[in-house]
């Protein structure tokens, strides 16, 4: 039997997978970063049980990437963003975040209440 907390954690994983794999590779520039953050958050918030999504594109990392480039944009990857989500399933609230760990975008559960 699957518990409500387990299902809530599963829902969080689905949302992170969708967010990352839907938007990885999207062209991003300093001028488009804020609108891309909003588009990503609003797209994921459409999914069931999603209470909130916060996407922050890291300006310093983006600027550093573009500093030695002739292009005005780069591809969005996990190293350019921090993400937080809150999922509510049957009264179980799951808080999650994504951040880089050892060069890999790690998605993790922060709390289950």
PDB file of N, CA and C in Angstrom:
ATOM      1  N   UNK A   1       0.845  -1.177   0.000  1.00  0.00           N
ATOM      2  CA  UNK A   1       0.000   0.000   0.000  1.00  0.00           C
ATOM      3  C   UNK A   1       0.897   1.249   0.000  1.00  0.00           C
ATOM      4  N   UNK A   2       0.625   2.155  -0.893  1.00  0.00           N
ATOM      5  CA  UNK A   2       1.384   3.394  -0.983  1.00  0.00           C
ATOM      6  C   UNK A   2       0.749   4.427  -0.055  1.00  0.00           C
ATOM      7  N   UNK A   3       1.573   5.107   0.726  1.00  0.00           N
ATOM      8  CA  UNK A   3       1.078   6.105   1.672  1.00  0.00           C
ATOM      9  C   UNK A   3       0.944   7.471   0.995  1.00  0.00           C
ATOM     10  N   UNK A   4       0.190   8.363   1.621  1.00  0.00           N
ATOM     11  CA  UNK A   4       0.061   9.728   1.095  1.00  0.00           C
ATOM     12  C   UNK A   4       1.410  10.444   1.044  1.00  0.00           C
ATOM     13  N   UNK A   5       2.258  10.347   2.073  1.00  0.00           N
ATOM     14  CA  UNK A   5       3.579  10.990   1.968  1.00  0.00           C
ATOM     15  C   UNK A   5       4.417  10.435   0.805  1.00  0.00           C
ATOM     16  N   UNK A   6       4.333   9.135   0.569  1.00  0.00           N
ATOM     17  CA  UNK A   6       5.075   8.563  -0.559  1.00  0.00           C
ATOM     18  C   UNK A   6       4.536   9.108  -1.890  1.00  0.00           C
ATOM     19  N   UNK A   7       3.238   9.191  -2.009  1.00  0.00           N
ATOM     20  CA  UNK A   7       2.641   9.726  -3.236  1.00  0.00           C
ATOM     21  C   UNK A   7       3.001  11.191  -3.412  1.00  0.00           C
ATOM     22  N   UNK A   8       2.994  11.956  -2.337  1.00  0.00           N
ATOM     23  CA  UNK A   8       3.365  13.372  -2.416  1.00  0.00           C
ATOM     24  C   UNK A   8       4.813  13.529  -2.887  1.00  0.00           C
ATOM     25  N   UNK A   9       5.705  12.688  -2.402  1.00  0.00           N
ATOM     26  CA  UNK A   9       7.108  12.719  -2.840  1.00  0.00           C
ATOM     27  C   UNK A   9       7.227  12.320  -4.307  1.00  0.00           C
ATOM     28  N   UNK A  10       6.462  11.330  -4.723  1.00  0.00           N
ATOM     29  CA  UNK A  10       6.434  10.930  -6.127  1.00  0.00           C
ATOM     30  C   UNK A  10       5.981  12.093  -7.000  1.00  0.00           C
ATOM     31  N   UNK A  11       4.935  12.791  -6.578  1.00  0.00           N
ATOM     32  CA  UNK A  11       4.437  13.949  -7.330  1.00  0.00           C
ATOM     33  C   UNK A  11       5.527  15.019  -7.464  1.00  0.00           C
ATOM     34  N   UNK A  12       6.287  15.233  -6.414  1.00  0.00           N
ATOM     35  CA  UNK A  12       7.387  16.204  -6.479  1.00  0.00           C
ATOM     36  C   UNK A  12       8.418  15.771  -7.518  1.00  0.00           C
ATOM     37  N   UNK A  13       8.732  14.496  -7.548  1.00  0.00           N
ATOM     38  CA  UNK A  13       9.694  13.988  -8.519  1.00  0.00           C
ATOM     39  C   UNK A  13       9.218  14.163  -9.949  1.00  0.00           C
ATOM     40  N   UNK A  14       7.939  13.923 -10.174  1.00  0.00           N
ATOM     41  CA  UNK A  14       7.367  14.100 -11.512  1.00  0.00           C
ATOM     42  C   UNK A  14       7.509  15.555 -11.946  1.00  0.00           C
ATOM     43  N   UNK A  15       7.232  16.466 -11.051  1.00  0.00           N
ATOM     44  CA  UNK A  15       7.296  17.884 -11.401  1.00  0.00           C
ATOM     45  C   UNK A  15       8.734  18.317 -11.696  1.00  0.00           C
ATOM     46  N   UNK A  16       9.681  17.845 -10.911  1.00  0.00           N
ATOM     47  CA  UNK A  16      11.079  18.184 -11.172  1.00  0.00           C
ATOM     48  C   UNK A  16      11.548  17.602 -12.496  1.00  0.00           C
ATOM     49  N   UNK A  17      11.184  16.362 -12.768  1.00  0.00           N
ATOM     50  CA  UNK A  17      11.566  15.750 -14.040  1.00  0.00           C
ATOM     51  C   UNK A  17      11.003  16.523 -15.216  1.00  0.00           C
ATOM     52  N   UNK A  18       9.756  16.925 -15.100  1.00  0.00           N
ATOM     53  CA  UNK A  18       9.127  17.709 -16.154  1.00  0.00           C
ATOM     54  C   UNK A  18       9.829  19.045 -16.323  1.00  0.00           C
ATOM     55  N   UNK A  19      10.059  19.740 -15.239  1.00  0.00           N
ATOM     56  CA  UNK A  19      10.695  21.056 -15.310  1.00  0.00           C
ATOM     57  C   UNK A  19      12.076  20.956 -15.946  1.00  0.00           C
ATOM     58  N   UNK A  20      12.879  20.059 -15.450  1.00  0.00           N
ATOM     59  CA  UNK A  20      14.259  20.001 -15.930  1.00  0.00           C
ATOM     60  C   UNK A  20      14.324  19.551 -17.385  1.00  0.00           C
ATOM     61  N   UNK A  21      13.651  18.489 -17.711  1.00  0.00           N
ATOM     62  CA  UNK A  21      13.803  17.920 -19.047  1.00  0.00           C
ATOM     63  C   UNK A  21      13.004  18.672 -20.110  1.00  0.00           C
ATOM     64  N   UNK A  22      12.010  19.409 -19.687  1.00  0.00           N
ATOM     65  CA  UNK A  22      11.275  20.236 -20.642  1.00  0.00           C
ATOM     66  C   UNK A  22      12.070  21.483 -21.012  1.00  0.00           C
ATOM     67  N   UNK A  23      12.804  22.049 -20.057  1.00  0.00           N
ATOM     68  CA  UNK A  23      13.445  23.338 -20.284  1.00  0.00           C
ATOM     69  C   UNK A  23      14.951  23.272 -20.478  1.00  0.00           C
ATOM     70  N   UNK A  24      15.595  22.166 -20.135  1.00  0.00           N
ATOM     71  CA  UNK A  24      17.040  22.053 -20.373  1.00  0.00           C
ATOM     72  C   UNK A  24      17.293  22.222 -21.867  1.00  0.00           C
ATOM     73  N   UNK A  25      18.253  23.039 -22.192  1.00  0.00           N
ATOM     74  CA  UNK A  25      18.585  23.309 -23.580  1.00  0.00           C
ATOM     75  C   UNK A  25      17.911  24.543 -24.142  1.00  0.00           C
ATOM     76  N   UNK A  26      16.979  25.126 -23.398  1.00  0.00           N
ATOM     77  CA  UNK A  26      16.319  26.350 -23.856  1.00  0.00           C
ATOM     78  C   UNK A  26      17.344  27.472 -23.954  1.00  0.00           C
ATOM     79  N   UNK A  27      17.352  28.225 -25.040  1.00  0.00           N
ATOM     80  CA  UNK A  27      18.248  29.373 -25.120  1.00  0.00           C
ATOM     81  C   UNK A  27      17.897  30.384 -24.025  1.00  0.00           C
ATOM     82  N   UNK A  28      18.919  30.851 -23.309  1.00  0.00           N
ATOM     83  CA  UNK A  28      18.703  31.829 -22.245  1.00  0.00           C
ATOM     84  C   UNK A  28      19.783  32.905 -22.323  1.00  0.00           C
ATOM     85  N   UNK A  29      19.369  34.127 -22.098  1.00  0.00           N
ATOM     86  CA  UNK A  29      20.285  35.270 -22.072  1.00  0.00           C
ATOM     87  C   UNK A  29      19.952  36.110 -20.847  1.00  0.00           C
ATOM     88  N   UNK A  30      20.815  37.043 -20.495  1.00  0.00           N
ATOM     89  CA  UNK A  30      20.472  37.931 -19.379  1.00  0.00           C
ATOM     90  C   UNK A  30      19.149  38.662 -19.619  1.00  0.00           C
ATOM     91  N   UNK A  31      18.852  39.001 -20.864  1.00  0.00           N
ATOM     92  CA  UNK A  31      17.605  39.713 -21.166  1.00  0.00           C
ATOM     93  C   UNK A  31      16.370  38.824 -21.062  1.00  0.00           C
ATOM     94  N   UNK A  32      16.514  37.521 -21.267  1.00  0.00           N
ATOM     95  CA  UNK A  32      15.348  36.634 -21.243  1.00  0.00           C
ATOM     96  C   UNK A  32      15.208  35.843 -19.945  1.00  0.00           C
ATOM     97  N   UNK A  33      16.156  35.971 -19.040  1.00  0.00           N
ATOM     98  CA  UNK A  33      16.172  35.137 -17.832  1.00  0.00           C
ATOM     99  C   UNK A  33      14.910  35.278 -16.984  1.00  0.00           C
ATOM    100  N   UNK A  34      14.457  36.496 -16.736  1.00  0.00           N
ATOM    101  CA  UNK A  34      13.278  36.686 -15.873  1.00  0.00           C
ATOM    102  C   UNK A  34      12.023  36.103 -16.518  1.00  0.00           C
ATOM    103  N   UNK A  35      11.838  36.316 -17.810  1.00  0.00           N
ATOM    104  CA  UNK A  35      10.630  35.774 -18.454  1.00  0.00           C
ATOM    105  C   UNK A  35      10.691  34.252 -18.504  1.00  0.00           C
ATOM    106  N   UNK A  36      11.879  33.687 -18.676  1.00  0.00           N
ATOM    107  CA  UNK A  36      12.013  32.232 -18.667  1.00  0.00           C
ATOM    108  C   UNK A  36      11.715  31.672 -17.283  1.00  0.00           C
ATOM    109  N   UNK A  37      12.188  32.340 -16.230  1.00  0.00           N
ATOM    110  CA  UNK A  37      11.864  31.911 -14.861  1.00  0.00           C
ATOM    111  C   UNK A  37      10.348  31.826 -14.678  1.00  0.00           C
ATOM    112  N   UNK A  38       9.653  32.885 -15.078  1.00  0.00           N
ATOM    113  CA  UNK A  38       8.192  32.924 -14.921  1.00  0.00           C
ATOM    114  C   UNK A  38       7.512  31.825 -15.743  1.00  0.00           C
ATOM    115  N   UNK A  39       7.946  31.652 -16.977  1.00  0.00           N
ATOM    116  CA  UNK A  39       7.334  30.637 -17.842  1.00  0.00           C
ATOM    117  C   UNK A  39       7.514  29.242 -17.252  1.00  0.00           C
ATOM    118  N   UNK A  40       8.698  28.958 -16.736  1.00  0.00           N
ATOM    119  CA  UNK A  40       8.959  27.643 -16.154  1.00  0.00           C
ATOM    120  C   UNK A  40       8.063  27.412 -14.941  1.00  0.00           C
ATOM    121  N   UNK A  41       8.028  28.388 -14.040  1.00  0.00           N
ATOM    122  CA  UNK A  41       7.227  28.249 -12.825  1.00  0.00           C
ATOM    123  C   UNK A  41       5.751  28.097 -13.158  1.00  0.00           C
ATOM    124  N   UNK A  42       5.246  28.934 -14.056  1.00  0.00           N
ATOM    125  CA  UNK A  42       3.824  28.880 -14.395  1.00  0.00           C
ATOM    126  C   UNK A  42       3.461  27.567 -15.089  1.00  0.00           C
ATOM    127  N   UNK A  43       4.345  27.043 -15.918  1.00  0.00           N
ATOM    128  CA  UNK A  43       4.067  25.773 -16.592  1.00  0.00           C
ATOM    129  C   UNK A  43       3.949  24.634 -15.584  1.00  0.00           C
ATOM    130  N   UNK A  44       4.859  24.572 -14.631  1.00  0.00           N
ATOM    131  CA  UNK A  44       4.845  23.478 -13.657  1.00  0.00           C
ATOM    132  C   UNK A  44       3.700  23.638 -12.670  1.00  0.00           C
ATOM    133  N   UNK A  45       3.349  24.874 -12.325  1.00  0.00           N
ATOM    134  CA  UNK A  45       2.241  25.102 -11.391  1.00  0.00           C
ATOM    135  C   UNK A  45       0.906  24.623 -11.956  1.00  0.00           C
ATOM    136  N   UNK A  46       0.822  24.408 -13.260  1.00  0.00           N
ATOM    137  CA  UNK A  46      -0.403  23.859 -13.853  1.00  0.00           C
ATOM    138  C   UNK A  46      -0.647  22.414 -13.443  1.00  0.00           C
ATOM    139  N   UNK A  47       0.382  21.717 -13.024  1.00  0.00           N
ATOM    140  CA  UNK A  47       0.247  20.296 -12.720  1.00  0.00           C
ATOM    141  C   UNK A  47      -0.491  20.091 -11.394  1.00  0.00           C
ATOM    142  N   UNK A  48      -1.196  18.961 -11.284  1.00  0.00           N
ATOM    143  CA  UNK A  48      -1.950  18.673 -10.060  1.00  0.00           C
ATOM    144  C   UNK A  48      -1.050  18.652  -8.820  1.00  0.00           C
ATOM    145  N   UNK A  49      -1.596  19.127  -7.727  1.00  0.00           N
ATOM    146  CA  UNK A  49      -0.978  19.082  -6.397  1.00  0.00           C
ATOM    147  C   UNK A  49       0.200  20.044  -6.242  1.00  0.00           C
ATOM    148  N   UNK A  50       0.493  20.851  -7.238  1.00  0.00           N
ATOM    149  CA  UNK A  50       1.616  21.785  -7.158  1.00  0.00           C
ATOM    150  C   UNK A  50       1.129  23.090  -6.543  1.00  0.00           C
ATOM    151  N   UNK A  51       1.627  23.419  -5.371  1.00  0.00           N
ATOM    152  CA  UNK A  51       1.228  24.633  -4.674  1.00  0.00           C
ATOM    153  C   UNK A  51       2.040  25.844  -5.116  1.00  0.00           C
ATOM    154  N   UNK A  52       3.346  25.651  -5.280  1.00  0.00           N
ATOM    155  CA  UNK A  52       4.184  26.781  -5.695  1.00  0.00           C
ATOM    156  C   UNK A  52       5.480  26.271  -6.307  1.00  0.00           C
ATOM    157  N   UNK A  53       6.015  27.090  -7.204  1.00  0.00           N
ATOM    158  CA  UNK A  53       7.302  26.820  -7.838  1.00  0.00           C
ATOM    159  C   UNK A  53       8.060  28.138  -7.886  1.00  0.00           C
ATOM    160  N   UNK A  54       9.312  28.098  -7.507  1.00  0.00           N
ATOM    161  CA  UNK A  54      10.189  29.256  -7.603  1.00  0.00           C
ATOM    162  C   UNK A  54      11.408  28.861  -8.423  1.00  0.00           C
ATOM    163  N   UNK A  55      11.614  29.547  -9.538  1.00  0.00           N
ATOM    164  CA  UNK A  55      12.765  29.302 -10.394  1.00  0.00           C
ATOM    165  C   UNK A  55      13.609  30.566 -10.385  1.00  0.00           C
ATOM    166  N   UNK A  56      14.883  30.408 -10.084  1.00  0.00           N
ATOM    167  CA  UNK A  56      15.797  31.550 -10.083  1.00  0.00           C
ATOM    168  C   UNK A  56      16.977  31.218 -10.987  1.00  0.00           C
ATOM    169  N   UNK A  57      17.096  31.971 -12.077  1.00  0.00           N
ATOM    170  CA  UNK A  57      18.246  31.813 -12.967  1.00  0.00           C
ATOM    171  C   UNK A  57      19.376  32.660 -12.405  1.00  0.00           C
ATOM    172  N   UNK A  58      20.521  32.047 -12.223  1.00  0.00           N
ATOM    173  CA  UNK A  58      21.662  32.668 -11.544  1.00  0.00           C
ATOM    174  C   UNK A  58      22.406  33.594 -12.497  1.00  0.00           C
ATOM    175  N   UNK A  59      22.189  34.884 -12.304  1.00  0.00           N
ATOM    176  CA  UNK A  59      22.772  35.892 -13.188  1.00  0.00           C
ATOM    177  C   UNK A  59      24.291  35.823 -13.237  1.00  0.00           C
ATOM    178  N   UNK A  60      24.931  35.636 -12.090  1.00  0.00           N
ATOM    179  CA  UNK A  60      26.400  35.594 -12.064  1.00  0.00           C
ATOM    180  C   UNK A  60      26.940  34.427 -12.883  1.00  0.00           C
ATOM    181  N   UNK A  61      26.313  33.267 -12.754  1.00  0.00           N
ATOM    182  CA  UNK A  61      26.755  32.099 -13.513  1.00  0.00           C
ATOM    183  C   UNK A  61      26.503  32.296 -15.007  1.00  0.00           C
ATOM    184  N   UNK A  62      25.382  32.887 -15.337  1.00  0.00           N
ATOM    185  CA  UNK A  62      25.058  33.159 -16.734  1.00  0.00           C
ATOM    186  C   UNK A  62      26.040  34.170 -17.323  1.00  0.00           C
ATOM    187  N   UNK A  63      26.313  35.242 -16.587  1.00  0.00           N
ATOM    188  CA  UNK A  63      27.278  36.250 -17.044  1.00  0.00           C
ATOM    189  C   UNK A  63      28.666  35.653 -17.237  1.00  0.00           C
ATOM    190  N   UNK A  64      29.082  34.803 -16.306  1.00  0.00           N
ATOM    191  CA  UNK A  64      30.403  34.180 -16.413  1.00  0.00           C
ATOM    192  C   UNK A  64      30.484  33.287 -17.648  1.00  0.00           C
ATOM    193  N   UNK A  65      29.420  32.566 -17.924  1.00  0.00           N
ATOM    194  CA  UNK A  65      29.386  31.695 -19.098  1.00  0.00           C
ATOM    195  C   UNK A  65      29.488  32.501 -20.393  1.00  0.00           C
ATOM    196  N   UNK A  66      28.839  33.642 -20.421  1.00  0.00           N
ATOM    197  CA  UNK A  66      28.797  34.453 -21.637  1.00  0.00           C
ATOM    198  C   UNK A  66      30.008  35.373 -21.788  1.00  0.00           C
ATOM    199  N   UNK A  67      30.782  35.546 -20.736  1.00  0.00           N
ATOM    200  CA  UNK A  67      31.906  36.485 -20.759  1.00  0.00           C
ATOM    201  C   UNK A  67      32.913  36.174 -21.863  1.00  0.00           C
ATOM    202  N   UNK A  68      33.197  34.927 -22.091  1.00  0.00           N
ATOM    203  CA  UNK A  68      34.188  34.558 -23.097  1.00  0.00           C
ATOM    204  C   UNK A  68      33.573  34.100 -24.406  1.00  0.00           C
ATOM    205  N   UNK A  69      32.301  34.405 -24.609  1.00  0.00           N
ATOM    206  CA  UNK A  69      31.586  33.904 -25.777  1.00  0.00           C
ATOM    207  C   UNK A  69      31.245  35.035 -26.740  1.00  0.00           C
ATOM    208  N   UNK A  70      31.158  34.700 -28.002  1.00  0.00           N
ATOM    209  CA  UNK A  70      30.706  35.682 -28.985  1.00  0.00           C
ATOM    210  C   UNK A  70      29.186  35.697 -29.076  1.00  0.00           C
ATOM    211  N   UNK A  71      28.531  34.697 -28.496  1.00  0.00           N
ATOM    212  CA  UNK A  71      27.067  34.618 -28.511  1.00  0.00           C
ATOM    213  C   UNK A  71      26.480  35.456 -27.380  1.00  0.00           C
ATOM    214  N   UNK A  72      25.221  35.858 -27.555  1.00  0.00           N
ATOM    215  CA  UNK A  72      24.509  36.623 -26.531  1.00  0.00           C
ATOM    216  C   UNK A  72      23.669  35.739 -25.623  1.00  0.00           C
ATOM    217  N   UNK A  73      23.721  34.423 -25.843  1.00  0.00           N
ATOM    218  CA  UNK A  73      22.909  33.492 -25.067  1.00  0.00           C
ATOM    219  C   UNK A  73      23.667  32.175 -24.913  1.00  0.00           C
ATOM    220  N   UNK A  74      23.134  31.329 -24.042  1.00  0.00           N
ATOM    221  CA  UNK A  74      23.656  29.977 -23.874  1.00  0.00           C
ATOM    222  C   UNK A  74      22.476  29.040 -23.647  1.00  0.00           C
ATOM    223  N   UNK A  75      22.748  27.757 -23.508  1.00  0.00           N
ATOM    224  CA  UNK A  75      21.691  26.782 -23.228  1.00  0.00           C
ATOM    225  C   UNK A  75      21.476  26.674 -21.724  1.00  0.00           C
ATOM    226  N   UNK A  76      20.223  26.657 -21.324  1.00  0.00           N
ATOM    227  CA  UNK A  76      19.887  26.496 -19.916  1.00  0.00           C
ATOM    228  C   UNK A  76      20.243  25.096 -19.449  1.00  0.00           C
ATOM    229  N   UNK A  77      20.978  25.024 -18.355  1.00  0.00           N
ATOM    230  CA  UNK A  77      21.275  23.764 -17.681  1.00  0.00           C
ATOM    231  C   UNK A  77      21.098  23.980 -16.189  1.00  0.00           C
ATOM    232  N   UNK A  78      21.208  22.915 -15.430  1.00  0.00           N
ATOM    233  CA  UNK A  78      21.043  23.000 -13.984  1.00  0.00           C
ATOM    234  C   UNK A  78      22.014  23.938 -13.309  1.00  0.00           C
ATOM    235  N   UNK A  79      23.184  24.131 -13.896  1.00  0.00           N
ATOM    236  CA  UNK A  79      24.173  24.991 -13.227  1.00  0.00           C
ATOM    237  C   UNK A  79      23.773  26.461 -13.245  1.00  0.00           C
ATOM    238  N   UNK A  80      22.765  26.805 -14.043  1.00  0.00           N
ATOM    239  CA  UNK A  80      22.319  28.193 -14.126  1.00  0.00           C
ATOM    240  C   UNK A  80      21.059  28.475 -13.322  1.00  0.00           C
ATOM    241  N   UNK A  81      20.553  27.493 -12.578  1.00  0.00           N
ATOM    242  CA  UNK A  81      19.296  27.759 -11.878  1.00  0.00           C
ATOM    243  C   UNK A  81      19.195  27.078 -10.526  1.00  0.00           C
ATOM    244  N   UNK A  82      18.395  27.700  -9.686  1.00  0.00           N
ATOM    245  CA  UNK A  82      17.973  27.126  -8.413  1.00  0.00           C
ATOM    246  C   UNK A  82      16.456  27.061  -8.456  1.00  0.00           C
ATOM    247  N   UNK A  83      15.914  25.952  -7.993  1.00  0.00           N
ATOM    248  CA  UNK A  83      14.472  25.733  -8.061  1.00  0.00           C
ATOM    249  C   UNK A  83      13.984  25.245  -6.702  1.00  0.00           C
ATOM    250  N   UNK A  84      12.838  25.767  -6.282  1.00  0.00           N
ATOM    251  CA  UNK A  84      12.148  25.280  -5.094  1.00  0.00           C
ATOM    252  C   UNK A  84      10.705  25.003  -5.480  1.00  0.00           C
ATOM    253  N   UNK A  85      10.151  23.928  -4.917  1.00  0.00           N
ATOM    254  CA  UNK A  85       8.750  23.580  -5.171  1.00  0.00           C
ATOM    255  C   UNK A  85       8.086  23.165  -3.878  1.00  0.00           C
ATOM    256  N   UNK A  86       6.785  23.368  -3.858  1.00  0.00           N
ATOM    257  CA  UNK A  86       5.977  22.899  -2.751  1.00  0.00           C
ATOM    258  C   UNK A  86       4.792  22.131  -3.333  1.00  0.00           C
ATOM    259  N   UNK A  87       4.644  20.905  -2.885  1.00  0.00           N
ATOM    260  CA  UNK A  87       3.595  20.007  -3.344  1.00  0.00           C
ATOM    261  C   UNK A  87       2.662  19.731  -2.167  1.00  0.00           C
ATOM    262  N   UNK A  88       1.370  19.699  -2.434  1.00  0.00           N
ATOM    263  CA  UNK A  88       0.398  19.349  -1.401  1.00  0.00           C
ATOM    264  C   UNK A  88      -0.478  18.223  -1.938  1.00  0.00           C
ATOM    265  N   UNK A  89      -0.356  17.057  -1.329  1.00  0.00           N
ATOM    266  CA  UNK A  89      -1.156  15.905  -1.715  1.00  0.00           C
ATOM    267  C   UNK A  89      -1.889  15.381  -0.485  1.00  0.00           C
ATOM    268  N   UNK A  90      -3.213  15.474  -0.512  1.00  0.00           N
ATOM    269  CA  UNK A  90      -4.046  14.967   0.583  1.00  0.00           C
ATOM    270  C   UNK A  90      -3.576  15.485   1.941  1.00  0.00           C
ATOM    271  N   UNK A  91      -3.205  16.759   1.992  1.00  0.00           N
ATOM    272  CA  UNK A  91      -2.781  17.371   3.248  1.00  0.00           C
ATOM    273  C   UNK A  91      -1.331  17.140   3.616  1.00  0.00           C
ATOM    274  N   UNK A  92      -0.600  16.405   2.803  1.00  0.00           N
ATOM    275  CA  UNK A  92       0.837  16.203   3.030  1.00  0.00           C
ATOM    276  C   UNK A  92       1.577  17.225   2.183  1.00  0.00           C
ATOM    277  N   UNK A  93       2.376  18.046   2.832  1.00  0.00           N
ATOM    278  CA  UNK A  93       3.119  19.104   2.155  1.00  0.00           C
ATOM    279  C   UNK A  93       4.585  18.678   2.011  1.00  0.00           C
ATOM    280  N   UNK A  94       5.054  18.674   0.775  1.00  0.00           N
ATOM    281  CA  UNK A  94       6.444  18.311   0.482  1.00  0.00           C
ATOM    282  C   UNK A  94       7.145  19.549  -0.059  1.00  0.00           C
ATOM    283  N   UNK A  95       8.269  19.888   0.553  1.00  0.00           N
ATOM    284  CA  UNK A  95       9.103  20.998   0.077  1.00  0.00           C
ATOM    285  C   UNK A  95      10.355  20.396  -0.556  1.00  0.00           C
ATOM    286  N   UNK A  96      10.690  20.909  -1.741  1.00  0.00           N
ATOM    287  CA  UNK A  96      11.816  20.368  -2.487  1.00  0.00           C
ATOM    288  C   UNK A  96      12.697  21.499  -3.006  1.00  0.00           C
ATOM    289  N   UNK A  97      13.902  21.142  -3.426  1.00  0.00           N
ATOM    290  CA  UNK A  97      14.784  22.120  -4.056  1.00  0.00           C
ATOM    291  C   UNK A  97      15.740  21.412  -5.007  1.00  0.00           C
ATOM    292  N   UNK A  98      16.278  22.192  -5.925  1.00  0.00           N
ATOM    293  CA  UNK A  98      17.298  21.695  -6.834  1.00  0.00           C
ATOM    294  C   UNK A  98      18.474  22.647  -6.756  1.00  0.00           C
ATOM    295  N   UNK A  99      19.644  22.070  -6.628  1.00  0.00           N
ATOM    296  CA  UNK A  99      20.872  22.851  -6.645  1.00  0.00           C
ATOM    297  C   UNK A  99      22.000  21.958  -7.134  1.00  0.00           C
ATOM    298  N   UNK A 100      23.068  22.576  -7.535  1.00  0.00           N
ATOM    299  CA  UNK A 100      24.199  21.815  -8.052  1.00  0.00           C
ATOM    300  C   UNK A 100      24.966  21.159  -6.911  1.00  0.00           C
ATOM    301  N   UNK A 101      25.325  19.909  -7.112  1.00  0.00           N
ATOM    302  CA  UNK A 101      26.177  19.196  -6.168  1.00  0.00           C
ATOM    303  C   UNK A 101      27.159  18.359  -6.978  1.00  0.00           C
ATOM    304  N   UNK A 102      28.437  18.655  -6.820  1.00  0.00           N
ATOM    305  CA  UNK A 102      29.492  17.961  -7.566  1.00  0.00           C
ATOM    306  C   UNK A 102      29.261  18.013  -9.077  1.00  0.00           C
ATOM    307  N   UNK A 103      28.816  19.174  -9.567  1.00  0.00           N
ATOM    308  CA  UNK A 103      28.622  19.364 -10.999  1.00  0.00           C
ATOM    309  C   UNK A 103      27.352  18.764 -11.564  1.00  0.00           C
ATOM    310  N   UNK A 104      26.453  18.309 -10.695  1.00  0.00           N
ATOM    311  CA  UNK A 104      25.224  17.660 -11.145  1.00  0.00           C
ATOM    312  C   UNK A 104      24.027  18.366 -10.514  1.00  0.00           C
ATOM    313  N   UNK A 105      22.950  18.617 -11.291  1.00  0.00           N
ATOM    314  CA  UNK A 105      21.759  19.242 -10.696  1.00  0.00           C
ATOM    315  C   UNK A 105      20.996  18.228  -9.843  1.00  0.00           C
ATOM    316  N   UNK A 106      21.121  18.354  -8.546  1.00  0.00           N
ATOM    317  CA  UNK A 106      20.505  17.413  -7.613  1.00  0.00           C
ATOM    318  C   UNK A 106      19.159  17.940  -7.147  1.00  0.00           C
ATOM    319  N   UNK A 107      18.144  17.127  -7.322  1.00  0.00           N
ATOM    320  CA  UNK A 107      16.792  17.454  -6.874  1.00  0.00           C
ATOM    321  C   UNK A 107      16.543  16.676  -5.596  1.00  0.00           C
ATOM    322  N   UNK A 108      16.131  17.406  -4.546  1.00  0.00           N
ATOM    323  CA  UNK A 108      15.993  16.695  -3.277  1.00  0.00           C
ATOM    324  C   UNK A 108      14.796  17.181  -2.480  1.00  0.00           C
ATOM    325  N   UNK A 109      14.338  16.311  -1.600  1.00  0.00           N
ATOM    326  CA  UNK A 109      13.258  16.639  -0.684  1.00  0.00           C
ATOM    327  C   UNK A 109      13.860  17.332   0.523  1.00  0.00           C
ATOM    328  N   UNK A 110      13.293  18.480   0.866  1.00  0.00           N
ATOM    329  CA  UNK A 110      13.761  19.248   2.022  1.00  0.00           C
ATOM    330  C   UNK A 110      12.954  18.850   3.250  1.00  0.00           C
ATOM    331  N   UNK A 111      11.624  18.706   3.076  1.00  0.00           N
ATOM    332  CA  UNK A 111      10.788  18.315   4.209  1.00  0.00           C
ATOM    333  C   UNK A 111       9.490  17.693   3.727  1.00  0.00           C
ATOM    334  N   UNK A 112       8.935  16.843   4.587  1.00  0.00           N
ATOM    335  CA  UNK A 112       7.620  16.242   4.377  1.00  0.00           C
ATOM    336  C   UNK A 112       6.847  16.484   5.660  1.00  0.00           C
ATOM    337  N   UNK A 113       5.732  17.204   5.550  1.00  0.00           N
ATOM    338  CA  UNK A 113       4.959  17.561   6.749  1.00  0.00           C
ATOM    339  C   UNK A 113       3.528  17.092   6.616  1.00  0.00           C
TER     340      UNK A 113
END
